[in-house]
Structures are given as C-alpha cells and as structure tokens.
Amino acid sequence: MNKQESIYKNIHQDIIERCKSGEQKAQFQLYKLYYKAMFNTCLRIVNDSFEAEDIMQESFLKAFEKIIFYKGEVSFGAWLKKIVINHSLDELRKRKLDTNSIEESVYEIKDEEDFDNSNEVSLKVEEIREEICKLPDGYRIVLSLYLIEGYDHDEISEILNIKSSTSRSQCARAKKKLIECLKDKQIEKTN
C-alpha cells in the first residue's frame, strides 16, 4: 500500500474522491449521507436547534475545504464528527462556556453501581433525551460525548482540554444528576 492509499476503506470512497476534486454534486451526496447524524451531534452539544443547524452547515463547509487532508486513517464519518464536535465546542466557548468550572470541581468517583439505578426508571428514550438536554452544559457535553458519541475519557479529555479524571468524575456526576431528574419526573407522573 503506498502513502496515497487510504488505510480505512470507506463505503462511500468514490464520493469522497469526487469531493476532493471539488465536485459539488458529490459534496451534496456526502452531505445527504451525513447531515442528520451531524446535526444530532451538534444539537446534543449546543442544545439549540437553530444554532446546531448553523454549526452543522459551517462544519460541512470546513470539512469540504479540508477534505484533501483526509487520509483515510479513520472512517469518514468519524473524521467529520470530530470536525463537528470541535466546531460545536468552539461555539460554546464563544458563548462563554467556562470549561474551567469542570476542571475545578473534581470529586471522588464512587463505584459505577451507585449511579446505575437506571433500571428503576422506566421512561421512553425521548424523555431521557429531553432530560439530558436540561442538564448544565458541562454535564450535558461530557455525558453526550461519552454515552452517545462513544468517546472514552481520554478522548474527551483531549477534546475538552481537561484531565481524564475530570472527565470521569464529570460523567459520573452527570449520570447521577440525570438519574435524579428521571426519578423526579417518574414521581411527577405517578402523582
């Protein structure tokens, strides 16, 4: 394999190659393949559908500008998602998200079992998503990156420029807060 070949073979490699040569039709095809997932990723981070739409559009433009640098070391979707997440976080920082508050509040992490009482809460997935959206930015971002986007704590620490232990503790506290909110919602429903 020479240096020009991709390490990761994408199922849409032909479209990606056409995008690299600037073909607008191919860019639109790639956009249609990924826009829903990328919008949802943005929305989970910024928690505002209009802002998420703008960020997603800008992220695609940035991706098309930089697509010549895509080397195929990871799937195209993972490469694009990283652009979307970074752009979303940049926009949050512009809104004065104080990521230092995450860093300053490191707590001892209890056993995962202490927070895994989610079996007691029987809510629909949509209700859980709604409650995640209500969490403070720091909790919502770490929880979304970990549970929904599938990043590990080392990756989250790189993305947010925090310690890995901070990511773990923030995630644990976010889970605990989410479970409390879900239990409260369940109690409201039964009353």
C-alpha atoms as a PDB file:
ATOM      1  CA  MET A   1       0.000   0.000   0.000  1.00  0.00           C
ATOM      2  CA  ASN A   2       1.532   3.335  -0.977  1.00  0.00           C
ATOM      3  CA  LYS A   3       1.184   6.512   1.068  1.00  0.00           C
ATOM      4  CA  GLN A   4      -1.604   7.870  -1.144  1.00  0.00           C
ATOM      5  CA  GLU A   5      -3.968   4.968  -0.425  1.00  0.00           C
ATOM      6  CA  SER A   6      -6.415   5.107   2.441  1.00  0.00           C
ATOM      7  CA  ILE A   7      -5.766   2.974   5.473  1.00  0.00           C
ATOM      8  CA  TYR A   8      -9.500   2.769   6.121  1.00  0.00           C
ATOM      9  CA  LYS A   9     -11.668   1.840   3.137  1.00  0.00           C
ATOM     10  CA  ASN A  10     -14.908   3.842   3.183  1.00  0.00           C
ATOM     11  CA  ILE A  11     -18.062   2.531   1.573  1.00  0.00           C
ATOM     12  CA  HIS A  12     -18.500   5.987   0.021  1.00  0.00           C
ATOM     13  CA  GLN A  13     -14.875   6.345  -1.091  1.00  0.00           C
ATOM     14  CA  ASP A  14     -15.860   7.189  -4.655  1.00  0.00           C
ATOM     15  CA  ILE A  15     -17.966  10.135  -3.450  1.00  0.00           C
ATOM     16  CA  ILE A  16     -15.149  11.282  -1.138  1.00  0.00           C
ATOM     17  CA  GLU A  17     -12.684  11.202  -4.053  1.00  0.00           C
ATOM     18  CA  ARG A  18     -15.075  13.240  -6.203  1.00  0.00           C
ATOM     19  CA  CYS A  19     -15.414  15.742  -3.330  1.00  0.00           C
ATOM     20  CA  LYS A  20     -11.632  16.019  -3.179  1.00  0.00           C
ATOM     21  CA  SER A  21     -11.690  17.152  -6.803  1.00  0.00           C
ATOM     22  CA  GLY A  22     -14.282  19.800  -5.922  1.00  0.00           C
ATOM     23  CA  GLU A  23     -17.362  18.229  -7.492  1.00  0.00           C
ATOM     24  CA  GLN A  24     -20.406  19.963  -5.968  1.00  0.00           C
ATOM     25  CA  LYS A  25     -22.801  17.133  -6.808  1.00  0.00           C
ATOM     26  CA  ALA A  26     -20.612  14.743  -4.804  1.00  0.00           C
ATOM     27  CA  GLN A  27     -20.478  17.229  -1.921  1.00  0.00           C
ATOM     28  CA  PHE A  28     -24.268  17.306  -1.867  1.00  0.00           C
ATOM     29  CA  GLN A  29     -24.387  13.496  -1.901  1.00  0.00           C
ATOM     30  CA  LEU A  30     -21.982  13.329   1.043  1.00  0.00           C
ATOM     31  CA  TYR A  31     -23.981  15.993   2.856  1.00  0.00           C
ATOM     32  CA  LYS A  32     -27.199  13.990   2.411  1.00  0.00           C
ATOM     33  CA  LEU A  33     -25.495  10.881   3.795  1.00  0.00           C
ATOM     34  CA  TYR A  34     -24.238  12.529   6.990  1.00  0.00           C
ATOM     35  CA  TYR A  35     -26.262  15.656   7.778  1.00  0.00           C
ATOM     36  CA  LYS A  36     -28.806  14.052  10.148  1.00  0.00           C
ATOM     37  CA  ALA A  37     -26.184  12.373  12.315  1.00  0.00           C
ATOM     38  CA  MET A  38     -24.018  15.505  12.362  1.00  0.00           C
ATOM     39  CA  PHE A  39     -26.993  17.722  13.228  1.00  0.00           C
ATOM     40  CA  ASN A  40     -27.857  15.437  16.143  1.00  0.00           C
ATOM     41  CA  THR A  41     -24.249  15.554  17.342  1.00  0.00           C
ATOM     42  CA  CYS A  42     -24.300  19.372  17.235  1.00  0.00           C
ATOM     43  CA  LEU A  43     -27.664  19.534  18.951  1.00  0.00           C
ATOM     44  CA  ARG A  44     -26.523  17.344  21.835  1.00  0.00           C
ATOM     45  CA  ILE A  45     -23.616  19.705  22.448  1.00  0.00           C
ATOM     46  CA  VAL A  46     -25.100  23.178  21.906  1.00  0.00           C
ATOM     47  CA  ASN A  47     -28.680  22.337  22.916  1.00  0.00           C
ATOM     48  CA  ASP A  48     -30.250  24.758  20.444  1.00  0.00           C
ATOM     49  CA  SER A  49     -31.651  23.542  17.130  1.00  0.00           C
ATOM     50  CA  PHE A  50     -31.074  26.798  15.208  1.00  0.00           C
ATOM     51  CA  GLU A  51     -27.502  27.081  16.411  1.00  0.00           C
ATOM     52  CA  ALA A  52     -26.932  23.370  15.746  1.00  0.00           C
ATOM     53  CA  GLU A  53     -28.141  23.829  12.170  1.00  0.00           C
ATOM     54  CA  ASP A  54     -25.718  26.735  11.612  1.00  0.00           C
ATOM     55  CA  ILE A  55     -22.806  24.881  13.190  1.00  0.00           C
ATOM     56  CA  MET A  56     -23.526  21.779  11.144  1.00  0.00           C
ATOM     57  CA  GLN A  57     -23.589  23.798   7.899  1.00  0.00           C
ATOM     58  CA  GLU A  58     -20.335  25.570   8.802  1.00  0.00           C
ATOM     59  CA  SER A  59     -18.754  22.241   9.760  1.00  0.00           C
ATOM     60  CA  PHE A  60     -19.586  20.752   6.383  1.00  0.00           C
ATOM     61  CA  LEU A  61     -18.079  23.781   4.648  1.00  0.00           C
ATOM     62  CA  LYS A  62     -14.947  23.407   6.756  1.00  0.00           C
ATOM     63  CA  ALA A  63     -14.837  19.666   6.010  1.00  0.00           C
ATOM     64  CA  PHE A  64     -15.133  20.258   2.259  1.00  0.00           C
ATOM     65  CA  GLU A  65     -12.320  22.832   2.445  1.00  0.00           C
ATOM     66  CA  LYS A  66     -10.101  20.356   4.309  1.00  0.00           C
ATOM     67  CA  ILE A  67     -11.196  17.127   2.618  1.00  0.00           C
ATOM     68  CA  ILE A  68      -7.930  16.943   0.695  1.00  0.00           C
ATOM     69  CA  PHE A  69      -6.238  16.339   4.065  1.00  0.00           C
ATOM     70  CA  TYR A  70      -8.493  13.360   4.854  1.00  0.00           C
ATOM     71  CA  LYS A  71      -6.100  10.416   4.733  1.00  0.00           C
ATOM     72  CA  GLY A  72      -8.497   7.580   5.490  1.00  0.00           C
ATOM     73  CA  GLU A  73      -6.903   6.651   8.823  1.00  0.00           C
ATOM     74  CA  VAL A  74     -10.411   6.568  10.343  1.00  0.00           C
ATOM     75  CA  SER A  75     -13.848   6.343   8.777  1.00  0.00           C
ATOM     76  CA  PHE A  76     -15.030   9.476   7.028  1.00  0.00           C
ATOM     77  CA  GLY A  77     -17.935   9.729   9.482  1.00  0.00           C
ATOM     78  CA  ALA A  78     -15.539   9.736  12.444  1.00  0.00           C
ATOM     79  CA  TRP A  79     -13.351  12.367  10.764  1.00  0.00           C
ATOM     80  CA  LEU A  80     -16.372  14.552  10.031  1.00  0.00           C
ATOM     81  CA  LYS A  81     -17.800  14.059  13.521  1.00  0.00           C
ATOM     82  CA  LYS A  82     -14.559  15.313  15.037  1.00  0.00           C
ATOM     83  CA  ILE A  83     -14.830  18.499  12.966  1.00  0.00           C
ATOM     84  CA  VAL A  84     -18.472  18.916  14.028  1.00  0.00           C
ATOM     85  CA  ILE A  85     -17.719  18.356  17.713  1.00  0.00           C
ATOM     86  CA  ASN A  86     -14.746  20.712  17.710  1.00  0.00           C
ATOM     87  CA  HIS A  87     -16.728  23.423  15.930  1.00  0.00           C
ATOM     88  CA  SER A  88     -19.648  22.954  18.345  1.00  0.00           C
ATOM     89  CA  LEU A  89     -17.333  23.260  21.326  1.00  0.00           C
ATOM     90  CA  ASP A  90     -15.695  26.360  19.821  1.00  0.00           C
ATOM     91  CA  GLU A  91     -19.117  27.962  19.504  1.00  0.00           C
ATOM     92  CA  LEU A  92     -19.931  27.071  23.112  1.00  0.00           C
ATOM     93  CA  ARG A  93     -16.675  28.658  24.218  1.00  0.00           C
ATOM     94  CA  LYS A  94     -17.701  31.785  22.364  1.00  0.00           C
ATOM     95  CA  ARG A  95     -20.875  31.706  24.442  1.00  0.00           C
ATOM     96  CA  LYS A  96     -18.562  31.808  27.433  1.00  0.00           C
ATOM     97  CA  LEU A  97     -18.862  28.191  28.485  1.00  0.00           C
ATOM     98  CA  ASP A  98     -16.499  28.057  31.397  1.00  0.00           C
ATOM     99  CA  THR A  99     -14.729  24.741  30.923  1.00  0.00           C
ATOM    100  CA  ASN A 100     -12.528  25.696  33.870  1.00  0.00           C
ATOM    101  CA  SER A 101     -15.518  25.117  36.126  1.00  0.00           C
ATOM    102  CA  ILE A 102     -15.353  21.490  35.037  1.00  0.00           C
ATOM    103  CA  GLU A 103     -11.655  21.382  35.869  1.00  0.00           C
ATOM    104  CA  GLU A 104     -12.062  22.996  39.275  1.00  0.00           C
ATOM    105  CA  SER A 105     -14.734  20.634  40.524  1.00  0.00           C
ATOM    106  CA  VAL A 106     -13.024  17.253  40.700  1.00  0.00           C
ATOM    107  CA  TYR A 107     -14.790  14.920  43.107  1.00  0.00           C
ATOM    108  CA  GLU A 108     -14.037  11.424  44.247  1.00  0.00           C
ATOM    109  CA  ILE A 109     -15.656   8.904  41.939  1.00  0.00           C
ATOM    110  CA  LYS A 110     -17.853   6.314  43.583  1.00  0.00           C
ATOM    111  CA  ASP A 111     -18.454   2.844  42.190  1.00  0.00           C
ATOM    112  CA  GLU A 112     -20.369   2.821  38.952  1.00  0.00           C
ATOM    113  CA  GLU A 113     -23.026   0.708  40.673  1.00  0.00           C
ATOM    114  CA  ASP A 114     -24.012   3.699  42.820  1.00  0.00           C
ATOM    115  CA  PHE A 115     -25.149   5.516  39.711  1.00  0.00           C
ATOM    116  CA  ASP A 116     -26.536   2.629  37.712  1.00  0.00           C
ATOM    117  CA  ASN A 117     -30.049   2.643  39.138  1.00  0.00           C
ATOM    118  CA  SER A 118     -31.448   3.442  35.721  1.00  0.00           C
ATOM    119  CA  ASN A 119     -33.330   0.134  35.709  1.00  0.00           C
ATOM    120  CA  GLU A 120     -35.665   1.653  38.292  1.00  0.00           C
ATOM    121  CA  VAL A 121     -36.570   4.421  35.905  1.00  0.00           C
ATOM    122  CA  SER A 122     -38.873   3.299  33.143  1.00  0.00           C
ATOM    123  CA  LEU A 123     -39.080   6.204  30.713  1.00  0.00           C
ATOM    124  CA  LYS A 124     -39.108   6.381  26.978  1.00  0.00           C
ATOM    125  CA  VAL A 125     -35.867   7.205  25.179  1.00  0.00           C
ATOM    126  CA  GLU A 126     -37.225  10.573  24.069  1.00  0.00           C
ATOM    127  CA  GLU A 127     -37.949  11.577  27.661  1.00  0.00           C
ATOM    128  CA  ILE A 128     -34.394  10.657  28.610  1.00  0.00           C
ATOM    129  CA  ARG A 129     -33.041  12.782  25.762  1.00  0.00           C
ATOM    130  CA  GLU A 130     -35.184  15.685  26.943  1.00  0.00           C
ATOM    131  CA  GLU A 131     -33.746  15.389  30.438  1.00  0.00           C
ATOM    132  CA  ILE A 132     -30.194  15.241  29.078  1.00  0.00           C
ATOM    133  CA  CYS A 133     -30.878  18.495  27.224  1.00  0.00           C
ATOM    134  CA  LYS A 134     -31.874  20.133  30.513  1.00  0.00           C
ATOM    135  CA  LEU A 135     -28.552  19.307  32.184  1.00  0.00           C
ATOM    136  CA  PRO A 136     -26.000  22.107  32.643  1.00  0.00           C
ATOM    137  CA  ASP A 137     -23.624  22.480  29.685  1.00  0.00           C
ATOM    138  CA  GLY A 138     -20.651  20.798  31.340  1.00  0.00           C
ATOM    139  CA  TYR A 139     -22.661  17.730  32.344  1.00  0.00           C
ATOM    140  CA  ARG A 140     -24.539  17.523  29.054  1.00  0.00           C
ATOM    141  CA  ILE A 141     -21.404  17.771  26.925  1.00  0.00           C
ATOM    142  CA  VAL A 142     -19.378  15.139  28.777  1.00  0.00           C
ATOM    143  CA  LEU A 143     -22.349  12.788  29.054  1.00  0.00           C
ATOM    144  CA  SER A 144     -23.187  13.176  25.362  1.00  0.00           C
ATOM    145  CA  LEU A 145     -19.605  12.654  24.259  1.00  0.00           C
ATOM    146  CA  TYR A 146     -19.287   9.561  26.454  1.00  0.00           C
ATOM    147  CA  LEU A 147     -22.675   7.838  26.201  1.00  0.00           C
ATOM    148  CA  ILE A 148     -23.962   8.941  22.824  1.00  0.00           C
ATOM    149  CA  GLU A 149     -20.904   9.735  20.726  1.00  0.00           C
ATOM    150  CA  GLY A 150     -18.900   6.844  22.190  1.00  0.00           C
ATOM    151  CA  TYR A 151     -15.719   8.665  23.118  1.00  0.00           C
ATOM    152  CA  ASP A 152     -13.664   7.339  26.024  1.00  0.00           C
ATOM    153  CA  HIS A 153     -12.495   9.594  28.836  1.00  0.00           C
ATOM    154  CA  ASP A 154      -9.010  10.039  27.392  1.00  0.00           C
ATOM    155  CA  GLU A 155     -10.516  11.257  24.114  1.00  0.00           C
ATOM    156  CA  ILE A 156     -12.948  13.542  25.940  1.00  0.00           C
ATOM    157  CA  SER A 157     -10.095  14.987  27.969  1.00  0.00           C
ATOM    158  CA  GLU A 158      -8.283  15.829  24.718  1.00  0.00           C
ATOM    159  CA  ILE A 159     -11.381  17.324  23.100  1.00  0.00           C
ATOM    160  CA  LEU A 160     -12.298  19.482  26.117  1.00  0.00           C
ATOM    161  CA  ASN A 161      -8.734  20.117  27.255  1.00  0.00           C
ATOM    162  CA  ILE A 162      -9.385  18.716  30.741  1.00  0.00           C
ATOM    163  CA  LYS A 163      -7.894  15.866  32.744  1.00  0.00           C
ATOM    164  CA  SER A 164      -9.142  12.345  32.110  1.00  0.00           C
ATOM    165  CA  SER A 165     -10.070  12.048  35.795  1.00  0.00           C
ATOM    166  CA  THR A 166     -12.129  15.220  35.460  1.00  0.00           C
ATOM    167  CA  SER A 167     -13.998  13.706  32.536  1.00  0.00           C
ATOM    168  CA  ARG A 168     -14.724  10.573  34.580  1.00  0.00           C
ATOM    169  CA  SER A 169     -15.956  12.485  37.614  1.00  0.00           C
ATOM    170  CA  GLN A 170     -17.999  14.911  35.499  1.00  0.00           C
ATOM    171  CA  CYS A 171     -19.591  11.974  33.683  1.00  0.00           C
ATOM    172  CA  ALA A 172     -20.356  10.172  36.942  1.00  0.00           C
ATOM    173  CA  ARG A 173     -21.963  13.301  38.416  1.00  0.00           C
ATOM    174  CA  ALA A 174     -23.878  13.900  35.193  1.00  0.00           C
ATOM    175  CA  LYS A 175     -25.244  10.331  35.294  1.00  0.00           C
ATOM    176  CA  LYS A 176     -26.221  10.785  38.925  1.00  0.00           C
ATOM    177  CA  LYS A 177     -27.953  14.103  38.165  1.00  0.00           C
ATOM    178  CA  LEU A 178     -29.718  12.594  35.157  1.00  0.00           C
ATOM    179  CA  ILE A 179     -30.993   9.653  37.221  1.00  0.00           C
ATOM    180  CA  GLU A 180     -32.263  12.041  39.901  1.00  0.00           C
ATOM    181  CA  CYS A 181     -34.090  14.099  37.261  1.00  0.00           C
ATOM    182  CA  LEU A 182     -35.588  10.977  35.709  1.00  0.00           C
ATOM    183  CA  LYS A 183     -36.749   9.704  39.094  1.00  0.00           C
ATOM    184  CA  ASP A 184     -38.330  13.083  39.853  1.00  0.00           C
ATOM    185  CA  LYS A 185     -40.081  13.005  36.501  1.00  0.00           C
ATOM    186  CA  GLN A 186     -41.352   9.486  37.211  1.00  0.00           C
ATOM    187  CA  ILE A 187     -42.676  10.605  40.598  1.00  0.00           C
ATOM    188  CA  GLU A 188     -44.451  13.554  38.942  1.00  0.00           C
ATOM    189  CA  LYS A 189     -46.121  11.166  36.510  1.00  0.00           C
ATOM    190  CA  THR A 190     -47.453   8.928  39.272  1.00  0.00           C
ATOM    191  CA  ASN A 191     -48.903  11.818  41.284  1.00  0.00           C
END
